[in-house]
PDB file of N, CA and C in Angstrom:
ATOM      1  N   MET A   1      -3.332  -8.836  -7.479  1.00  0.00           N
ATOM      2  CA  MET A   1      -2.075  -8.141  -7.426  1.00  0.00           C
ATOM      3  C   MET A   1      -1.411  -8.490  -6.103  1.00  0.00           C
ATOM      4  N   ARG A   2      -0.098  -8.516  -6.117  1.00  0.00           N
ATOM      5  CA  ARG A   2       0.642  -8.745  -4.876  1.00  0.00           C
ATOM      6  C   ARG A   2       1.028  -7.395  -4.301  1.00  0.00           C
ATOM      7  N   ALA A   3       0.945  -7.291  -2.969  1.00  0.00           N
ATOM      8  CA  ALA A   3       1.235  -6.020  -2.318  1.00  0.00           C
ATOM      9  C   ALA A   3       1.846  -6.258  -0.951  1.00  0.00           C
ATOM     10  N   ALA A   4       2.673  -5.314  -0.532  1.00  0.00           N
ATOM     11  CA  ALA A   4       3.183  -5.312   0.835  1.00  0.00           C
ATOM     12  C   ALA A   4       2.122  -4.643   1.700  1.00  0.00           C
ATOM     13  N   VAL A   5       1.626  -5.361   2.704  1.00  0.00           N
ATOM     14  CA  VAL A   5       0.512  -4.875   3.525  1.00  0.00           C
ATOM     15  C   VAL A   5       0.993  -4.618   4.950  1.00  0.00           C
ATOM     16  N   PHE A   6       0.664  -3.438   5.452  1.00  0.00           N
ATOM     17  CA  PHE A   6       1.004  -3.021   6.809  1.00  0.00           C
ATOM     18  C   PHE A   6      -0.165  -3.379   7.723  1.00  0.00           C
ATOM     19  N   HIS A   7       0.126  -4.163   8.775  1.00  0.00           N
ATOM     20  CA  HIS A   7      -0.917  -4.577   9.710  1.00  0.00           C
ATOM     21  C   HIS A   7      -0.743  -3.991  11.104  1.00  0.00           C
ATOM     22  N   GLU A   8       0.494  -3.802  11.540  1.00  0.00           N
ATOM     23  CA  GLU A   8       0.723  -3.399  12.929  1.00  0.00           C
ATOM     24  C   GLU A   8       2.046  -2.651  13.048  1.00  0.00           C
ATOM     25  N   VAL A   9       2.071  -1.644  13.935  1.00  0.00           N
ATOM     26  CA  VAL A   9       3.270  -0.854  14.181  1.00  0.00           C
ATOM     27  C   VAL A   9       4.403  -1.767  14.648  1.00  0.00           C
ATOM     28  N   HIS A  10       5.598  -1.486  14.171  1.00  0.00           N
ATOM     29  CA  HIS A  10       6.835  -2.200  14.540  1.00  0.00           C
ATOM     30  C   HIS A  10       6.829  -3.670  14.133  1.00  0.00           C
ATOM     31  N   GLN A  11       5.986  -4.035  13.180  1.00  0.00           N
ATOM     32  CA  GLN A  11       5.956  -5.406  12.667  1.00  0.00           C
ATOM     33  C   GLN A  11       6.277  -5.377  11.175  1.00  0.00           C
ATOM     34  N   PRO A  12       6.894  -6.436  10.658  1.00  0.00           N
ATOM     35  CA  PRO A  12       7.187  -6.459   9.220  1.00  0.00           C
ATOM     36  C   PRO A  12       5.903  -6.444   8.391  1.00  0.00           C
ATOM     37  N   MET A  13       5.988  -5.809   7.248  1.00  0.00           N
ATOM     38  CA  MET A  13       4.876  -5.860   6.305  1.00  0.00           C
ATOM     39  C   MET A  13       4.836  -7.259   5.716  1.00  0.00           C
ATOM     40  N   THR A  14       3.661  -7.696   5.284  1.00  0.00           N
ATOM     41  CA  THR A  14       3.523  -9.021   4.693  1.00  0.00           C
ATOM     42  C   THR A  14       3.172  -8.879   3.214  1.00  0.00           C
ATOM     43  N   ILE A  15       3.674  -9.802   2.399  1.00  0.00           N
ATOM     44  CA  ILE A  15       3.357  -9.812   0.976  1.00  0.00           C
ATOM     45  C   ILE A  15       2.092 -10.640   0.805  1.00  0.00           C
ATOM     46  N   GLU A  16       1.043 -10.015   0.264  1.00  0.00           N
ATOM     47  CA  GLU A  16      -0.260 -10.657   0.136  1.00  0.00           C
ATOM     48  C   GLU A  16      -0.809 -10.458  -1.273  1.00  0.00           C
ATOM     49  N   THR A  17      -1.708 -11.325  -1.669  1.00  0.00           N
ATOM     50  CA  THR A  17      -2.405 -11.180  -2.939  1.00  0.00           C
ATOM     51  C   THR A  17      -3.734 -10.484  -2.675  1.00  0.00           C
ATOM     52  N   LEU A  18      -3.965  -9.375  -3.368  1.00  0.00           N
ATOM     53  CA  LEU A  18      -5.182  -8.583  -3.199  1.00  0.00           C
ATOM     54  C   LEU A  18      -6.016  -8.640  -4.468  1.00  0.00           C
ATOM     55  N   GLU A  19      -7.326  -8.593  -4.315  1.00  0.00           N
ATOM     56  CA  GLU A  19      -8.228  -8.514  -5.458  1.00  0.00           C
ATOM     57  C   GLU A  19      -8.272  -7.064  -5.947  1.00  0.00           C
ATOM     58  N   VAL A  20      -8.225  -6.901  -7.239  1.00  0.00           N
ATOM     59  CA  VAL A  20      -8.273  -5.570  -7.833  1.00  0.00           C
ATOM     60  C   VAL A  20      -9.509  -5.485  -8.715  1.00  0.00           C
ATOM     61  N   ALA A  21     -10.301  -4.447  -8.503  1.00  0.00           N
ATOM     62  CA  ALA A  21     -11.500  -4.255  -9.326  1.00  0.00           C
ATOM     63  C   ALA A  21     -11.099  -3.933 -10.762  1.00  0.00           C
ATOM     64  N   LYS A  22     -11.920  -4.359 -11.708  1.00  0.00           N
ATOM     65  CA  LYS A  22     -11.674  -4.032 -13.107  1.00  0.00           C
ATOM     66  C   LYS A  22     -11.806  -2.524 -13.290  1.00  0.00           C
ATOM     67  N   PRO A  23     -10.990  -1.953 -14.163  1.00  0.00           N
ATOM     68  CA  PRO A  23     -11.082  -0.510 -14.396  1.00  0.00           C
ATOM     69  C   PRO A  23     -12.460  -0.121 -14.930  1.00  0.00           C
ATOM     70  N   SER A  24     -12.943   1.008 -14.473  1.00  0.00           N
ATOM     71  CA  SER A  24     -14.211   1.523 -14.995  1.00  0.00           C
ATOM     72  C   SER A  24     -13.902   2.443 -16.178  1.00  0.00           C
ATOM     73  N   ALA A  25     -14.913   3.085 -16.700  1.00  0.00           N
ATOM     74  CA  ALA A  25     -14.742   3.968 -17.852  1.00  0.00           C
ATOM     75  C   ALA A  25     -13.681   5.031 -17.559  1.00  0.00           C
ATOM     76  N   HIS A  26     -12.808   5.279 -18.511  1.00  0.00           N
ATOM     77  CA  HIS A  26     -11.753   6.299 -18.422  1.00  0.00           C
ATOM     78  C   HIS A  26     -10.682   5.962 -17.391  1.00  0.00           C
ATOM     79  N   GLU A  27     -10.545   4.696 -17.014  1.00  0.00           N
ATOM     80  CA  GLU A  27      -9.487   4.239 -16.118  1.00  0.00           C
ATOM     81  C   GLU A  27      -8.671   3.158 -16.815  1.00  0.00           C
ATOM     82  N   VAL A  28      -7.447   2.979 -16.364  1.00  0.00           N
ATOM     83  CA  VAL A  28      -6.596   1.913 -16.895  1.00  0.00           C
ATOM     84  C   VAL A  28      -5.983   1.156 -15.723  1.00  0.00           C
ATOM     85  N   LEU A  29      -5.635  -0.091 -15.951  1.00  0.00           N
ATOM     86  CA  LEU A  29      -4.948  -0.911 -14.958  1.00  0.00           C
ATOM     87  C   LEU A  29      -3.521  -1.097 -15.441  1.00  0.00           C
ATOM     88  N   LEU A  30      -2.541  -0.678 -14.634  1.00  0.00           N
ATOM     89  CA  LEU A  30      -1.133  -0.762 -15.009  1.00  0.00           C
ATOM     90  C   LEU A  30      -0.453  -1.881 -14.239  1.00  0.00           C
ATOM     91  N   ARG A  31       0.433  -2.581 -14.904  1.00  0.00           N
ATOM     92  CA  ARG A  31       1.247  -3.600 -14.237  1.00  0.00           C
ATOM     93  C   ARG A  31       2.500  -2.902 -13.714  1.00  0.00           C
ATOM     94  N   THR A  32       2.750  -3.030 -12.423  1.00  0.00           N
ATOM     95  CA  THR A  32       3.907  -2.408 -11.797  1.00  0.00           C
ATOM     96  C   THR A  32       5.076  -3.378 -11.813  1.00  0.00           C
ATOM     97  N   ALA A  33       6.205  -2.940 -12.342  1.00  0.00           N
ATOM     98  CA  ALA A  33       7.386  -3.796 -12.430  1.00  0.00           C
ATOM     99  C   ALA A  33       8.097  -3.881 -11.080  1.00  0.00           C
ATOM    100  N   TYR A  34       8.172  -2.779 -10.363  1.00  0.00           N
ATOM    101  CA  TYR A  34       8.807  -2.766  -9.052  1.00  0.00           C
ATOM    102  C   TYR A  34       8.333  -1.537  -8.285  1.00  0.00           C
ATOM    103  N   ALA A  35       8.537  -1.551  -6.987  1.00  0.00           N
ATOM    104  CA  ALA A  35       8.127  -0.435  -6.142  1.00  0.00           C
ATOM    105  C   ALA A  35       9.059  -0.375  -4.934  1.00  0.00           C
ATOM    106  N   GLY A  36       9.015   0.698  -4.225  1.00  0.00           N
ATOM    107  CA  GLY A  36       9.846   0.856  -3.039  1.00  0.00           C
ATOM    108  C   GLY A  36       9.136   1.690  -2.001  1.00  0.00           C
ATOM    109  N   LEU A  37       9.780   1.867  -0.880  1.00  0.00           N
ATOM    110  CA  LEU A  37       9.256   2.698   0.195  1.00  0.00           C
ATOM    111  C   LEU A  37      10.114   3.943   0.316  1.00  0.00           C
ATOM    112  N   CYS A  38       9.502   5.041   0.683  1.00  0.00           N
ATOM    113  CA  CYS A  38      10.275   6.245   0.957  1.00  0.00           C
ATOM    114  C   CYS A  38      10.377   6.406   2.479  1.00  0.00           C
ATOM    115  N   HIS A  39      11.154   7.378   2.908  1.00  0.00           N
ATOM    116  CA  HIS A  39      11.349   7.556   4.351  1.00  0.00           C
ATOM    117  C   HIS A  39      10.042   7.898   5.064  1.00  0.00           C
ATOM    118  N   SER A  40       9.149   8.611   4.396  1.00  0.00           N
ATOM    119  CA  SER A  40       7.854   8.935   5.009  1.00  0.00           C
ATOM    120  C   SER A  40       7.069   7.670   5.340  1.00  0.00           C
ATOM    121  N   ASP A  41       7.179   6.645   4.483  1.00  0.00           N
ATOM    122  CA  ASP A  41       6.493   5.379   4.749  1.00  0.00           C
ATOM    123  C   ASP A  41       6.966   4.763   6.065  1.00  0.00           C
ATOM    124  N   LEU A  42       8.241   4.935   6.371  1.00  0.00           N
ATOM    125  CA  LEU A  42       8.780   4.381   7.615  1.00  0.00           C
ATOM    126  C   LEU A  42       8.119   5.009   8.841  1.00  0.00           C
ATOM    127  N   HIS A  43       7.706   6.273   8.736  1.00  0.00           N
ATOM    128  CA  HIS A  43       7.031   6.923   9.861  1.00  0.00           C
ATOM    129  C   HIS A  43       5.725   6.208  10.212  1.00  0.00           C
ATOM    130  N   PHE A  44       5.013   5.721   9.208  1.00  0.00           N
ATOM    131  CA  PHE A  44       3.789   4.954   9.468  1.00  0.00           C
ATOM    132  C   PHE A  44       4.138   3.633  10.148  1.00  0.00           C
ATOM    133  N   ILE A  45       5.147   2.951   9.627  1.00  0.00           N
ATOM    134  CA  ILE A  45       5.550   1.652  10.174  1.00  0.00           C
ATOM    135  C   ILE A  45       6.050   1.796  11.608  1.00  0.00           C
ATOM    136  N   GLU A  46       6.730   2.905  11.901  1.00  0.00           N
ATOM    137  CA  GLU A  46       7.252   3.152  13.248  1.00  0.00           C
ATOM    138  C   GLU A  46       6.190   3.688  14.198  1.00  0.00           C
ATOM    139  N   GLY A  47       4.983   3.977  13.684  1.00  0.00           N
ATOM    140  CA  GLY A  47       3.906   4.469  14.537  1.00  0.00           C
ATOM    141  C   GLY A  47       3.936   5.956  14.793  1.00  0.00           C
ATOM    142  N   LEU A  48       4.766   6.705  14.077  1.00  0.00           N
ATOM    143  CA  LEU A  48       4.842   8.149  14.284  1.00  0.00           C
ATOM    144  C   LEU A  48       3.643   8.882  13.697  1.00  0.00           C
ATOM    145  N   TYR A  49       3.040   8.321  12.655  1.00  0.00           N
ATOM    146  CA  TYR A  49       1.823   8.857  12.058  1.00  0.00           C
ATOM    147  C   TYR A  49       0.737   7.806  12.224  1.00  0.00           C
ATOM    148  N   PRO A  50      -0.375   8.126  12.882  1.00  0.00           N
ATOM    149  CA  PRO A  50      -1.445   7.131  13.039  1.00  0.00           C
ATOM    150  C   PRO A  50      -2.091   6.801  11.689  1.00  0.00           C
ATOM    151  N   ILE A  51      -2.480   5.551  11.536  1.00  0.00           N
ATOM    152  CA  ILE A  51      -3.072   5.104  10.281  1.00  0.00           C
ATOM    153  C   ILE A  51      -3.985   3.916  10.538  1.00  0.00           C
ATOM    154  N   ALA A  52      -5.079   3.840   9.806  1.00  0.00           N
ATOM    155  CA  ALA A  52      -5.976   2.690   9.900  1.00  0.00           C
ATOM    156  C   ALA A  52      -5.313   1.494   9.212  1.00  0.00           C
ATOM    157  N   THR A  53      -5.470   0.330   9.787  1.00  0.00           N
ATOM    158  CA  THR A  53      -4.883  -0.877   9.196  1.00  0.00           C
ATOM    159  C   THR A  53      -5.977  -1.875   8.874  1.00  0.00           C
ATOM    160  N   PRO A  54      -5.754  -2.768   7.922  1.00  0.00           N
ATOM    161  CA  PRO A  54      -4.551  -2.926   7.121  1.00  0.00           C
ATOM    162  C   PRO A  54      -4.420  -1.816   6.089  1.00  0.00           C
ATOM    163  N   ALA A  55      -3.199  -1.615   5.608  1.00  0.00           N
ATOM    164  CA  ALA A  55      -2.940  -0.544   4.652  1.00  0.00           C
ATOM    165  C   ALA A  55      -1.806  -0.933   3.717  1.00  0.00           C
ATOM    166  N   CYS A  56      -1.814  -0.332   2.533  1.00  0.00           N
ATOM    167  CA  CYS A  56      -0.747  -0.509   1.543  1.00  0.00           C
ATOM    168  C   CYS A  56      -0.187   0.856   1.201  1.00  0.00           C
ATOM    169  N   SER A  57       1.126   0.950   1.089  1.00  0.00           N
ATOM    170  CA  SER A  57       1.751   2.183   0.623  1.00  0.00           C
ATOM    171  C   SER A  57       1.609   2.260  -0.882  1.00  0.00           C
ATOM    172  N   ASP A  58       1.291   3.435  -1.380  1.00  0.00           N
ATOM    173  CA  ASP A  58       1.150   3.641  -2.812  1.00  0.00           C
ATOM    174  C   ASP A  58       1.642   5.048  -3.122  1.00  0.00           C
ATOM    175  N   MET A  59       2.950   5.185  -3.262  1.00  0.00           N
ATOM    176  CA  MET A  59       3.597   6.476  -3.382  1.00  0.00           C
ATOM    177  C   MET A  59       3.071   7.318  -4.532  1.00  0.00           C
ATOM    178  N   ASN A  60       2.820   6.724  -5.677  1.00  0.00           N
ATOM    179  CA  ASN A  60       2.468   7.506  -6.861  1.00  0.00           C
ATOM    180  C   ASN A  60       0.970   7.735  -7.018  1.00  0.00           C
ATOM    181  N   ARG A  61       0.184   7.144  -6.176  1.00  0.00           N
ATOM    182  CA  ARG A  61      -1.265   7.331  -6.253  1.00  0.00           C
ATOM    183  C   ARG A  61      -1.755   7.734  -4.873  1.00  0.00           C
ATOM    184  N   ARG A  62      -2.869   7.233  -4.431  1.00  0.00           N
ATOM    185  CA  ARG A  62      -3.387   7.558  -3.125  1.00  0.00           C
ATOM    186  C   ARG A  62      -2.586   6.802  -2.072  1.00  0.00           C
ATOM    187  N   ARG A  63      -2.038   7.481  -1.088  1.00  0.00           N
ATOM    188  CA  ARG A  63      -1.160   6.850  -0.113  1.00  0.00           C
ATOM    189  C   ARG A  63      -1.945   6.085   0.949  1.00  0.00           C
ATOM    190  N   TRP A  64      -1.493   4.894   1.241  1.00  0.00           N
ATOM    191  CA  TRP A  64      -1.922   4.080   2.374  1.00  0.00           C
ATOM    192  C   TRP A  64      -3.424   3.839   2.404  1.00  0.00           C
ATOM    193  N   SER A  65      -3.980   3.399   1.327  1.00  0.00           N
ATOM    194  CA  SER A  65      -5.414   3.145   1.305  1.00  0.00           C
ATOM    195  C   SER A  65      -5.716   1.787   0.700  1.00  0.00           C
ATOM    196  N   MET A  66      -6.549   1.002   1.370  1.00  0.00           N
ATOM    197  CA  MET A  66      -6.987  -0.281   0.823  1.00  0.00           C
ATOM    198  C   MET A  66      -8.485  -0.267   0.601  1.00  0.00           C
ATOM    199  N   ARG A  67      -9.132   0.875   0.656  1.00  0.00           N
ATOM    200  CA  ARG A  67     -10.574   0.972   0.480  1.00  0.00           C
ATOM    201  C   ARG A  67     -10.922   1.079  -0.970  1.00  0.00           C
TER     202      ARG A  67
END
């Protein structure tokens, strides 16, 4: 999957290809047509909220997790 990845405060996010695990029992894998950032995401990029990096924003699921 392609994702915008946050690496460092005040730096542009980079578009990267990430490996996605196959869904386990009772899970599904959805293809996302498009995505965006909300204003809260900008707080992470601006360094106002501390966060472990690298990270991906994921508004509709678990936020900012690549684990």
